[in-house]
Amino acid sequence: AAAGRRVRAAAMPYALHDLIEDCCSGRGRVKASKAKRREVYNEVWVAVNRWILDTFSRGKTVHIPSLARIGWEVVDNYDRGAGGSGYRRQPLFMPTDNFLRSNGMPVKKQPKPPFFTTVDEINFIKLAIKFSEDLTKDQVFSGLRDIAQRLGRVVASGARVELNMSVGKLCAKERKMQFLFDKSVHD
């Protein structure tokens, strides 16, 4: 089965259904039957993406310590005349040092760290209640932890990854990650 997956990975990028399947087939932390686990992982992915879209659309940045910061970087302050000052921002995806280190990828020191807009730290209770249909806090916590770990292993292996998310597409190739933001969310 693993050899078949490697052949498939060479032809097509690793996608969400592969990630969910890998989470279900491994020793995950979500306690349920295999069919139910698939539903839970899918629902966790949907809830996280709803939260990201909600936060991103309010001009804030999300912080998922086991994965990344996704949001807005303040790039320029400017004087708006009598109306006061303002700032220009651009979307930014930045894998966390924790994600990179735990998957054996290099952590690059930046000469000047980015200045993000207000950061919304992940709150598993909020995700379960507000952004999911019927998940518990423990399911969101365990499911997201499994998803981030599986994703990290795949990225670290050098495989080509393309995961559609609510604000764009998470891509990886040869152990390098990038995020392609949808034009519609930042125009």
N, C-alpha and C. Protein backbone atom coordinates (compact mmCIF):
# COMPACT_ATOMS: atom_id res chain seq x y z
N ALA A 1 0.82 -1.20 0.00
CA ALA A 1 0.00 0.00 0.00
C ALA A 1 0.86 1.26 0.00
N ALA A 2 1.93 1.26 0.79
CA ALA A 2 2.80 2.44 0.85
C ALA A 2 3.50 2.66 -0.47
N ALA A 3 3.91 1.57 -1.13
CA ALA A 3 4.58 1.71 -2.43
C ALA A 3 3.62 2.29 -3.45
N GLY A 4 2.37 1.87 -3.41
CA GLY A 4 1.35 2.41 -4.32
C GLY A 4 1.13 3.88 -4.08
N ARG A 5 1.18 4.27 -2.83
CA ARG A 5 1.00 5.68 -2.49
C ARG A 5 2.17 6.51 -3.01
N ARG A 6 3.39 5.96 -2.96
CA ARG A 6 4.55 6.68 -3.47
C ARG A 6 4.47 6.89 -4.97
N VAL A 7 4.01 5.87 -5.71
CA VAL A 7 3.87 6.00 -7.16
C VAL A 7 2.82 7.05 -7.47
N ARG A 8 1.71 7.03 -6.74
CA ARG A 8 0.65 8.00 -6.95
C ARG A 8 1.14 9.40 -6.64
N ALA A 9 1.94 9.53 -5.57
CA ALA A 9 2.44 10.85 -5.17
C ALA A 9 3.35 11.45 -6.23
N ALA A 10 4.05 10.61 -6.97
CA ALA A 10 4.92 11.13 -8.01
C ALA A 10 4.11 11.74 -9.14
N ALA A 11 2.93 11.18 -9.41
CA ALA A 11 2.10 11.66 -10.51
C ALA A 11 1.20 12.81 -10.09
N MET A 12 0.64 12.73 -8.91
CA MET A 12 -0.30 13.75 -8.44
C MET A 12 0.16 14.30 -7.10
N PRO A 13 -0.15 15.56 -6.83
CA PRO A 13 0.25 16.11 -5.52
C PRO A 13 -0.57 15.50 -4.39
N TYR A 14 0.02 15.50 -3.23
CA TYR A 14 -0.63 15.07 -2.01
C TYR A 14 -1.73 16.09 -1.71
N ALA A 15 -2.95 15.61 -1.53
CA ALA A 15 -4.09 16.51 -1.36
C ALA A 15 -4.83 16.20 -0.06
N LEU A 16 -5.90 16.92 0.18
CA LEU A 16 -6.66 16.77 1.42
C LEU A 16 -7.13 15.34 1.64
N HIS A 17 -7.67 14.70 0.61
CA HIS A 17 -8.16 13.32 0.81
C HIS A 17 -7.02 12.38 1.21
N ASP A 18 -5.81 12.62 0.71
CA ASP A 18 -4.66 11.81 1.12
C ASP A 18 -4.32 12.07 2.59
N LEU A 19 -4.36 13.33 2.98
CA LEU A 19 -4.06 13.71 4.36
C LEU A 19 -5.06 13.07 5.33
N ILE A 20 -6.34 13.17 5.00
CA ILE A 20 -7.38 12.59 5.85
C ILE A 20 -7.21 11.07 5.92
N GLU A 21 -6.96 10.45 4.79
CA GLU A 21 -6.77 8.99 4.75
C GLU A 21 -5.58 8.57 5.60
N ASP A 22 -4.47 9.31 5.50
CA ASP A 22 -3.29 8.99 6.32
C ASP A 22 -3.58 9.16 7.81
N CYS A 23 -4.33 10.17 8.17
CA CYS A 23 -4.70 10.36 9.57
C CYS A 23 -5.55 9.20 10.07
N CYS A 24 -6.44 8.70 9.23
CA CYS A 24 -7.32 7.59 9.61
C CYS A 24 -6.57 6.27 9.70
N SER A 25 -5.59 6.08 8.83
CA SER A 25 -4.90 4.79 8.78
C SER A 25 -3.82 4.65 9.85
N GLY A 26 -3.35 5.75 10.36
CA GLY A 26 -2.29 5.71 11.37
C GLY A 26 -2.87 5.58 12.77
N ARG A 27 -1.97 5.69 13.73
CA ARG A 27 -2.40 5.64 15.13
C ARG A 27 -2.72 7.05 15.59
N GLY A 28 -3.86 7.53 15.18
CA GLY A 28 -4.26 8.89 15.52
C GLY A 28 -4.79 8.99 16.94
N ARG A 29 -4.99 10.21 17.37
CA ARG A 29 -5.48 10.47 18.71
C ARG A 29 -7.00 10.55 18.78
N VAL A 30 -7.66 10.62 17.63
CA VAL A 30 -9.12 10.68 17.61
C VAL A 30 -9.65 9.28 17.88
N LYS A 31 -10.41 9.14 18.93
CA LYS A 31 -10.93 7.83 19.32
C LYS A 31 -12.31 7.62 18.71
N ALA A 32 -12.35 6.81 17.65
CA ALA A 32 -13.61 6.49 16.98
C ALA A 32 -13.33 5.40 15.95
N SER A 33 -14.40 4.85 15.39
CA SER A 33 -14.23 3.87 14.32
C SER A 33 -13.59 4.57 13.12
N LYS A 34 -13.04 3.79 12.19
CA LYS A 34 -12.34 4.38 11.05
C LYS A 34 -13.26 5.29 10.25
N ALA A 35 -14.49 4.86 10.01
CA ALA A 35 -15.44 5.69 9.24
C ALA A 35 -15.75 6.99 9.99
N LYS A 36 -15.94 6.90 11.28
CA LYS A 36 -16.24 8.08 12.09
C LYS A 36 -15.01 9.00 12.16
N ARG A 37 -13.81 8.41 12.25
CA ARG A 37 -12.60 9.23 12.29
C ARG A 37 -12.46 10.07 11.02
N ARG A 38 -12.80 9.49 9.89
CA ARG A 38 -12.74 10.23 8.62
C ARG A 38 -13.65 11.45 8.70
N GLU A 39 -14.85 11.26 9.24
CA GLU A 39 -15.79 12.38 9.40
C GLU A 39 -15.22 13.44 10.35
N VAL A 40 -14.62 12.99 11.44
CA VAL A 40 -14.07 13.92 12.43
C VAL A 40 -12.93 14.74 11.82
N TYR A 41 -11.99 14.08 11.14
CA TYR A 41 -10.88 14.81 10.53
C TYR A 41 -11.37 15.80 9.47
N ASN A 42 -12.34 15.38 8.68
CA ASN A 42 -12.92 16.30 7.69
C ASN A 42 -13.56 17.50 8.37
N GLU A 43 -14.33 17.24 9.41
CA GLU A 43 -15.01 18.32 10.13
C GLU A 43 -14.01 19.25 10.82
N VAL A 44 -12.93 18.70 11.35
CA VAL A 44 -11.87 19.53 11.95
C VAL A 44 -11.28 20.45 10.88
N TRP A 45 -10.98 19.90 9.70
CA TRP A 45 -10.43 20.70 8.61
C TRP A 45 -11.39 21.83 8.22
N VAL A 46 -12.67 21.51 8.13
CA VAL A 46 -13.68 22.51 7.77
C VAL A 46 -13.76 23.58 8.85
N ALA A 47 -13.80 23.18 10.11
CA ALA A 47 -13.91 24.14 11.22
C ALA A 47 -12.70 25.08 11.26
N VAL A 48 -11.51 24.53 11.10
CA VAL A 48 -10.29 25.36 11.11
C VAL A 48 -10.33 26.35 9.96
N ASN A 49 -10.76 25.90 8.79
CA ASN A 49 -10.82 26.79 7.64
C ASN A 49 -11.90 27.85 7.77
N ARG A 50 -13.00 27.53 8.42
CA ARG A 50 -14.03 28.55 8.69
C ARG A 50 -13.47 29.62 9.62
N TRP A 51 -12.75 29.18 10.64
CA TRP A 51 -12.14 30.12 11.59
C TRP A 51 -11.10 30.99 10.89
N ILE A 52 -10.27 30.38 10.05
CA ILE A 52 -9.25 31.15 9.32
C ILE A 52 -9.92 32.21 8.45
N LEU A 53 -10.94 31.83 7.70
CA LEU A 53 -11.63 32.78 6.83
C LEU A 53 -12.27 33.91 7.64
N ASP A 54 -12.94 33.56 8.73
CA ASP A 54 -13.59 34.56 9.58
C ASP A 54 -12.56 35.55 10.14
N THR A 55 -11.47 35.04 10.66
CA THR A 55 -10.44 35.88 11.26
C THR A 55 -9.73 36.72 10.20
N PHE A 56 -9.37 36.08 9.10
CA PHE A 56 -8.67 36.75 8.00
C PHE A 56 -9.52 37.89 7.43
N SER A 57 -10.82 37.64 7.27
CA SER A 57 -11.70 38.66 6.69
C SER A 57 -11.91 39.86 7.63
N ARG A 58 -11.62 39.68 8.93
CA ARG A 58 -11.70 40.79 9.88
C ARG A 58 -10.36 41.50 10.03
N GLY A 59 -9.40 41.15 9.16
CA GLY A 59 -8.11 41.82 9.17
C GLY A 59 -7.16 41.35 10.25
N LYS A 60 -7.43 40.18 10.82
CA LYS A 60 -6.57 39.64 11.87
C LYS A 60 -5.76 38.47 11.35
N THR A 61 -4.83 38.02 12.16
CA THR A 61 -3.95 36.90 11.84
C THR A 61 -4.28 35.72 12.75
N VAL A 62 -4.31 34.51 12.19
CA VAL A 62 -4.51 33.31 13.01
C VAL A 62 -3.15 32.72 13.37
N HIS A 63 -3.09 32.16 14.56
CA HIS A 63 -1.87 31.50 15.00
C HIS A 63 -2.21 30.10 15.44
N ILE A 64 -1.69 29.12 14.71
CA ILE A 64 -1.82 27.71 15.05
C ILE A 64 -0.41 27.25 15.39
N PRO A 65 -0.05 27.17 16.68
CA PRO A 65 1.33 26.88 17.06
C PRO A 65 1.93 25.63 16.42
N SER A 66 1.11 24.62 16.18
CA SER A 66 1.63 23.38 15.60
C SER A 66 1.77 23.45 14.08
N LEU A 67 1.39 24.60 13.48
CA LEU A 67 1.44 24.69 12.03
C LEU A 67 1.99 26.03 11.52
N ALA A 68 1.23 27.11 11.68
CA ALA A 68 1.64 28.36 11.03
C ALA A 68 0.86 29.56 11.56
N ARG A 69 1.31 30.72 11.12
CA ARG A 69 0.54 31.96 11.24
C ARG A 69 0.06 32.28 9.83
N ILE A 70 -1.22 32.59 9.72
CA ILE A 70 -1.81 32.95 8.43
C ILE A 70 -2.57 34.24 8.66
N GLY A 71 -2.19 35.27 7.95
CA GLY A 71 -2.89 36.53 8.16
C GLY A 71 -2.28 37.68 7.42
N TRP A 72 -2.20 38.79 8.12
CA TRP A 72 -1.80 40.04 7.50
C TRP A 72 -0.53 40.58 8.12
N GLU A 73 0.40 40.97 7.26
CA GLU A 73 1.61 41.64 7.69
C GLU A 73 1.46 43.12 7.39
N VAL A 74 1.77 43.96 8.37
CA VAL A 74 1.75 45.40 8.16
C VAL A 74 3.06 45.75 7.45
N VAL A 75 2.94 46.32 6.25
CA VAL A 75 4.14 46.60 5.46
C VAL A 75 4.48 48.07 5.36
N ASP A 76 3.53 48.95 5.66
CA ASP A 76 3.81 50.36 5.48
C ASP A 76 2.82 51.19 6.28
N ASN A 77 3.33 52.08 7.08
CA ASN A 77 2.48 53.08 7.74
C ASN A 77 2.46 54.31 6.85
N TYR A 78 1.35 54.97 6.80
CA TYR A 78 1.29 56.18 5.99
C TYR A 78 0.35 57.19 6.64
N ASP A 79 0.53 58.43 6.26
CA ASP A 79 -0.27 59.53 6.78
C ASP A 79 -1.48 59.72 5.88
N ARG A 80 -2.67 59.65 6.47
CA ARG A 80 -3.89 59.83 5.67
C ARG A 80 -4.40 61.26 5.75
N GLY A 81 -3.53 62.16 6.05
CA GLY A 81 -3.93 63.57 6.13
C GLY A 81 -4.71 63.84 7.40
N ALA A 82 -5.79 64.62 7.27
CA ALA A 82 -6.60 65.00 8.42
C ALA A 82 -7.27 63.79 9.05
N GLY A 83 -7.42 62.72 8.28
CA GLY A 83 -8.09 61.51 8.79
C GLY A 83 -7.22 60.68 9.71
N GLY A 84 -5.97 61.06 9.89
CA GLY A 84 -5.07 60.30 10.77
C GLY A 84 -4.14 59.41 9.98
N SER A 85 -3.56 58.46 10.67
CA SER A 85 -2.62 57.56 10.00
C SER A 85 -3.30 56.23 9.69
N GLY A 86 -2.68 55.48 8.83
CA GLY A 86 -3.19 54.17 8.46
C GLY A 86 -2.03 53.25 8.14
N TYR A 87 -2.35 52.11 7.65
CA TYR A 87 -1.29 51.19 7.26
C TYR A 87 -1.74 50.35 6.08
N ARG A 88 -0.74 49.92 5.33
CA ARG A 88 -0.98 49.00 4.23
C ARG A 88 -0.59 47.62 4.71
N ARG A 89 -1.29 46.63 4.27
CA ARG A 89 -0.99 45.27 4.70
C ARG A 89 -0.99 44.33 3.51
N GLN A 90 -0.34 43.20 3.70
CA GLN A 90 -0.34 42.18 2.67
C GLN A 90 -0.50 40.83 3.36
N PRO A 91 -1.11 39.85 2.68
CA PRO A 91 -1.30 38.54 3.30
C PRO A 91 0.05 37.84 3.48
N LEU A 92 0.15 37.08 4.55
CA LEU A 92 1.40 36.39 4.84
C LEU A 92 1.13 35.04 5.49
N PHE A 93 1.85 34.03 5.03
CA PHE A 93 1.83 32.69 5.62
C PHE A 93 3.22 32.43 6.15
N MET A 94 3.32 32.01 7.41
CA MET A 94 4.63 31.75 7.99
C MET A 94 4.55 30.49 8.86
N PRO A 95 5.19 29.39 8.41
CA PRO A 95 5.21 28.19 9.25
C PRO A 95 5.86 28.51 10.59
N THR A 96 5.37 27.91 11.65
CA THR A 96 5.96 28.17 12.97
C THR A 96 7.29 27.44 13.09
N ASP A 97 8.16 27.98 13.94
CA ASP A 97 9.44 27.33 14.21
C ASP A 97 9.20 25.92 14.74
N ASN A 98 8.17 25.76 15.57
CA ASN A 98 7.83 24.46 16.14
C ASN A 98 7.51 23.45 15.03
N PHE A 99 6.72 23.85 14.04
CA PHE A 99 6.37 22.97 12.92
C PHE A 99 7.63 22.57 12.16
N LEU A 100 8.47 23.54 11.86
CA LEU A 100 9.68 23.28 11.09
C LEU A 100 10.65 22.38 11.86
N ARG A 101 10.92 22.71 13.12
CA ARG A 101 11.87 21.93 13.92
C ARG A 101 11.39 20.49 14.13
N SER A 102 10.12 20.34 14.47
CA SER A 102 9.62 18.99 14.77
C SER A 102 9.60 18.10 13.54
N ASN A 103 9.74 18.67 12.36
CA ASN A 103 9.77 17.88 11.13
C ASN A 103 11.13 17.91 10.44
N GLY A 104 12.15 18.36 11.18
CA GLY A 104 13.51 18.33 10.67
C GLY A 104 13.80 19.27 9.52
N MET A 105 13.03 20.35 9.45
CA MET A 105 13.25 21.32 8.38
C MET A 105 14.00 22.53 8.95
N PRO A 106 14.78 23.21 8.12
CA PRO A 106 15.57 24.33 8.63
C PRO A 106 14.70 25.52 9.04
N VAL A 107 15.10 26.14 10.14
CA VAL A 107 14.44 27.35 10.62
C VAL A 107 15.33 28.52 10.25
N LYS A 108 14.81 29.41 9.43
CA LYS A 108 15.60 30.56 8.98
C LYS A 108 15.34 31.74 9.91
N LYS A 109 16.42 32.31 10.38
CA LYS A 109 16.30 33.53 11.18
C LYS A 109 16.10 34.70 10.23
N GLN A 110 15.09 35.49 10.50
CA GLN A 110 14.82 36.65 9.67
C GLN A 110 15.46 37.87 10.30
N PRO A 111 16.09 38.73 9.47
CA PRO A 111 16.72 39.92 10.03
C PRO A 111 15.72 40.82 10.76
N LYS A 112 14.53 40.90 10.23
CA LYS A 112 13.48 41.70 10.85
C LYS A 112 12.20 40.88 10.80
N PRO A 113 11.73 40.39 11.96
CA PRO A 113 10.52 39.58 11.93
C PRO A 113 9.33 40.39 11.43
N PRO A 114 8.39 39.73 10.76
CA PRO A 114 7.23 40.47 10.24
C PRO A 114 6.36 41.01 11.38
N PHE A 115 5.73 42.12 11.12
CA PHE A 115 4.79 42.72 12.07
C PHE A 115 3.39 42.34 11.62
N PHE A 116 2.79 41.39 12.33
CA PHE A 116 1.45 40.93 11.99
C PHE A 116 0.39 41.86 12.58
N THR A 117 -0.78 41.85 11.95
CA THR A 117 -1.93 42.52 12.55
C THR A 117 -2.29 41.74 13.81
N THR A 118 -3.31 42.17 14.53
CA THR A 118 -3.72 41.51 15.76
C THR A 118 -3.83 40.01 15.55
N VAL A 119 -3.22 39.25 16.45
CA VAL A 119 -3.18 37.79 16.31
C VAL A 119 -4.29 37.15 17.13
N ASP A 120 -5.02 36.24 16.49
CA ASP A 120 -6.07 35.46 17.13
C ASP A 120 -5.50 34.06 17.38
N GLU A 121 -5.18 33.76 18.64
CA GLU A 121 -4.64 32.44 18.99
C GLU A 121 -5.74 31.40 18.86
N ILE A 122 -5.35 30.20 18.49
CA ILE A 122 -6.34 29.14 18.33
C ILE A 122 -7.00 28.84 19.67
N ASN A 123 -8.31 28.67 19.64
CA ASN A 123 -9.10 28.35 20.82
C ASN A 123 -9.96 27.15 20.44
N PHE A 124 -9.62 25.99 20.95
CA PHE A 124 -10.28 24.75 20.54
C PHE A 124 -11.75 24.71 20.93
N ILE A 125 -12.10 25.32 22.04
CA ILE A 125 -13.51 25.37 22.45
C ILE A 125 -14.30 26.21 21.45
N LYS A 126 -13.75 27.37 21.10
CA LYS A 126 -14.41 28.26 20.13
C LYS A 126 -14.58 27.56 18.78
N LEU A 127 -13.56 26.85 18.32
CA LEU A 127 -13.66 26.13 17.05
C LEU A 127 -14.75 25.07 17.12
N ALA A 128 -14.82 24.35 18.23
CA ALA A 128 -15.83 23.29 18.37
C ALA A 128 -17.24 23.86 18.40
N ILE A 129 -17.44 24.94 19.14
CA ILE A 129 -18.79 25.49 19.31
C ILE A 129 -19.23 26.35 18.14
N LYS A 130 -18.38 27.27 17.73
CA LYS A 130 -18.79 28.26 16.73
C LYS A 130 -18.57 27.82 15.28
N PHE A 131 -17.54 27.03 15.02
CA PHE A 131 -17.18 26.75 13.64
C PHE A 131 -17.38 25.29 13.21
N SER A 132 -17.93 24.45 14.09
CA SER A 132 -18.20 23.06 13.69
C SER A 132 -19.65 22.72 13.96
N GLU A 133 -20.08 21.62 13.39
CA GLU A 133 -21.46 21.17 13.57
C GLU A 133 -21.63 20.46 14.92
N ASP A 134 -20.74 19.49 15.20
CA ASP A 134 -20.92 18.72 16.43
C ASP A 134 -19.62 18.17 17.02
N LEU A 135 -18.52 18.85 16.79
CA LEU A 135 -17.25 18.39 17.34
C LEU A 135 -17.09 18.83 18.80
N THR A 136 -16.32 18.05 19.53
CA THR A 136 -15.96 18.44 20.89
C THR A 136 -14.60 19.15 20.85
N LYS A 137 -14.27 19.81 21.94
CA LYS A 137 -12.96 20.47 22.04
C LYS A 137 -11.85 19.45 21.88
N ASP A 138 -12.00 18.28 22.49
CA ASP A 138 -10.96 17.25 22.40
C ASP A 138 -10.80 16.73 20.98
N GLN A 139 -11.89 16.59 20.24
CA GLN A 139 -11.80 16.14 18.85
C GLN A 139 -11.08 17.18 17.99
N VAL A 140 -11.37 18.46 18.21
CA VAL A 140 -10.69 19.51 17.45
C VAL A 140 -9.20 19.51 17.78
N PHE A 141 -8.88 19.45 19.07
CA PHE A 141 -7.48 19.45 19.50
C PHE A 141 -6.73 18.25 18.92
N SER A 142 -7.27 17.05 19.14
CA SER A 142 -6.60 15.83 18.68
C SER A 142 -6.54 15.75 17.16
N GLY A 143 -7.64 16.10 16.51
CA GLY A 143 -7.69 16.05 15.05
C GLY A 143 -6.71 17.00 14.40
N LEU A 144 -6.64 18.22 14.89
CA LEU A 144 -5.72 19.20 14.32
C LEU A 144 -4.26 18.81 14.60
N ARG A 145 -4.02 18.25 15.75
CA ARG A 145 -2.67 17.80 16.08
C ARG A 145 -2.23 16.70 15.11
N ASP A 146 -3.11 15.72 14.86
CA ASP A 146 -2.80 14.65 13.91
C ASP A 146 -2.59 15.20 12.50
N ILE A 147 -3.46 16.11 12.08
CA ILE A 147 -3.36 16.70 10.74
C ILE A 147 -2.03 17.43 10.57
N ALA A 148 -1.66 18.25 11.56
CA ALA A 148 -0.41 19.01 11.47
C ALA A 148 0.80 18.07 11.45
N GLN A 149 0.77 17.01 12.25
CA GLN A 149 1.89 16.08 12.27
C GLN A 149 2.02 15.32 10.96
N ARG A 150 0.91 14.84 10.42
CA ARG A 150 0.95 14.12 9.13
C ARG A 150 1.42 15.05 8.02
N LEU A 151 0.89 16.25 8.00
CA LEU A 151 1.29 17.22 6.99
C LEU A 151 2.79 17.51 7.09
N GLY A 152 3.28 17.67 8.30
CA GLY A 152 4.70 17.92 8.50
C GLY A 152 5.58 16.80 7.97
N ARG A 153 5.17 15.58 8.21
CA ARG A 153 5.95 14.43 7.72
C ARG A 153 5.99 14.40 6.20
N VAL A 154 4.86 14.69 5.59
CA VAL A 154 4.79 14.66 4.12
C VAL A 154 5.64 15.78 3.53
N VAL A 155 5.52 16.98 4.09
CA VAL A 155 6.33 18.11 3.60
C VAL A 155 7.82 17.80 3.79
N ALA A 156 8.18 17.26 4.95
CA ALA A 156 9.59 16.94 5.24
C ALA A 156 10.13 15.86 4.31
N SER A 157 9.26 15.02 3.78
CA SER A 157 9.71 13.96 2.87
C SER A 157 10.06 14.50 1.49
N GLY A 158 9.67 15.74 1.22
CA GLY A 158 9.95 16.35 -0.07
C GLY A 158 8.84 16.17 -1.09
N ALA A 159 7.75 15.54 -0.69
CA ALA A 159 6.64 15.30 -1.62
C ALA A 159 5.99 16.62 -2.05
N ARG A 160 5.34 16.58 -3.19
CA ARG A 160 4.59 17.73 -3.68
C ARG A 160 3.22 17.73 -2.99
N VAL A 161 2.87 18.85 -2.39
CA VAL A 161 1.63 18.98 -1.63
C VAL A 161 0.82 20.14 -2.17
N GLU A 162 -0.48 19.95 -2.29
CA GLU A 162 -1.41 21.03 -2.64
C GLU A 162 -2.68 20.83 -1.83
N LEU A 163 -2.86 21.67 -0.82
CA LEU A 163 -4.05 21.61 0.03
C LEU A 163 -4.86 22.88 -0.13
N ASN A 164 -6.08 22.74 -0.60
CA ASN A 164 -6.96 23.90 -0.72
C ASN A 164 -7.46 24.29 0.66
N MET A 165 -7.38 25.59 0.93
CA MET A 165 -7.85 26.13 2.19
C MET A 165 -8.80 27.28 1.89
N SER A 166 -9.43 27.80 2.93
CA SER A 166 -10.46 28.82 2.74
C SER A 166 -9.93 30.13 2.17
N VAL A 167 -8.65 30.43 2.38
CA VAL A 167 -8.10 31.70 1.90
C VAL A 167 -7.04 31.51 0.82
N GLY A 168 -6.83 30.28 0.39
CA GLY A 168 -5.84 30.02 -0.65
C GLY A 168 -5.44 28.57 -0.71
N LYS A 169 -4.22 28.33 -1.16
CA LYS A 169 -3.73 26.96 -1.32
C LYS A 169 -2.35 26.84 -0.68
N LEU A 170 -2.23 25.85 0.20
CA LEU A 170 -0.96 25.53 0.83
C LEU A 170 -0.22 24.56 -0.08
N CYS A 171 0.96 24.96 -0.53
CA CYS A 171 1.76 24.15 -1.45
C CYS A 171 3.12 23.85 -0.83
N ALA A 172 3.65 22.70 -1.19
CA ALA A 172 5.00 22.34 -0.77
C ALA A 172 5.63 21.49 -1.85
N LYS A 173 6.93 21.66 -1.97
CA LYS A 173 7.69 20.88 -2.94
C LYS A 173 9.14 20.92 -2.49
N GLU A 174 9.77 19.76 -2.48
CA GLU A 174 11.17 19.66 -2.08
C GLU A 174 11.45 20.33 -0.74
N ARG A 175 10.57 20.06 0.23
CA ARG A 175 10.71 20.55 1.61
C ARG A 175 10.56 22.06 1.75
N LYS A 176 10.04 22.72 0.75
CA LYS A 176 9.81 24.17 0.82
C LYS A 176 8.31 24.41 0.74
N MET A 177 7.81 25.24 1.67
CA MET A 177 6.38 25.54 1.72
C MET A 177 6.12 26.94 1.21
N GLN A 178 4.96 27.10 0.58
CA GLN A 178 4.49 28.43 0.21
C GLN A 178 2.98 28.42 0.26
N PHE A 179 2.41 29.58 0.36
CA PHE A 179 0.95 29.70 0.41
C PHE A 179 0.53 30.66 -0.70
N LEU A 180 -0.36 30.19 -1.55
CA LEU A 180 -0.88 31.03 -2.63
C LEU A 180 -2.24 31.56 -2.19
N PHE A 181 -2.29 32.82 -1.83
CA PHE A 181 -3.54 33.42 -1.36
C PHE A 181 -4.47 33.67 -2.53
N ASP A 182 -5.77 33.42 -2.31
CA ASP A 182 -6.79 33.74 -3.32
C ASP A 182 -6.86 35.25 -3.46
N LYS A 183 -6.93 35.72 -4.69
CA LYS A 183 -7.05 37.17 -4.94
C LYS A 183 -8.32 37.73 -4.28
N SER A 184 -9.38 36.94 -4.28
CA SER A 184 -10.67 37.42 -3.77
C SER A 184 -10.63 37.77 -2.28
N VAL A 185 -9.72 37.19 -1.51
CA VAL A 185 -9.70 37.45 -0.08
C VAL A 185 -8.82 38.63 0.31
N HIS A 186 -8.02 39.14 -0.61
CA HIS A 186 -7.18 40.27 -0.21
C HIS A 186 -7.23 41.44 -1.18
N ASP A 187 -8.19 41.48 -2.06
CA ASP A 187 -8.35 42.65 -2.95
C ASP A 187 -9.22 43.70 -2.32
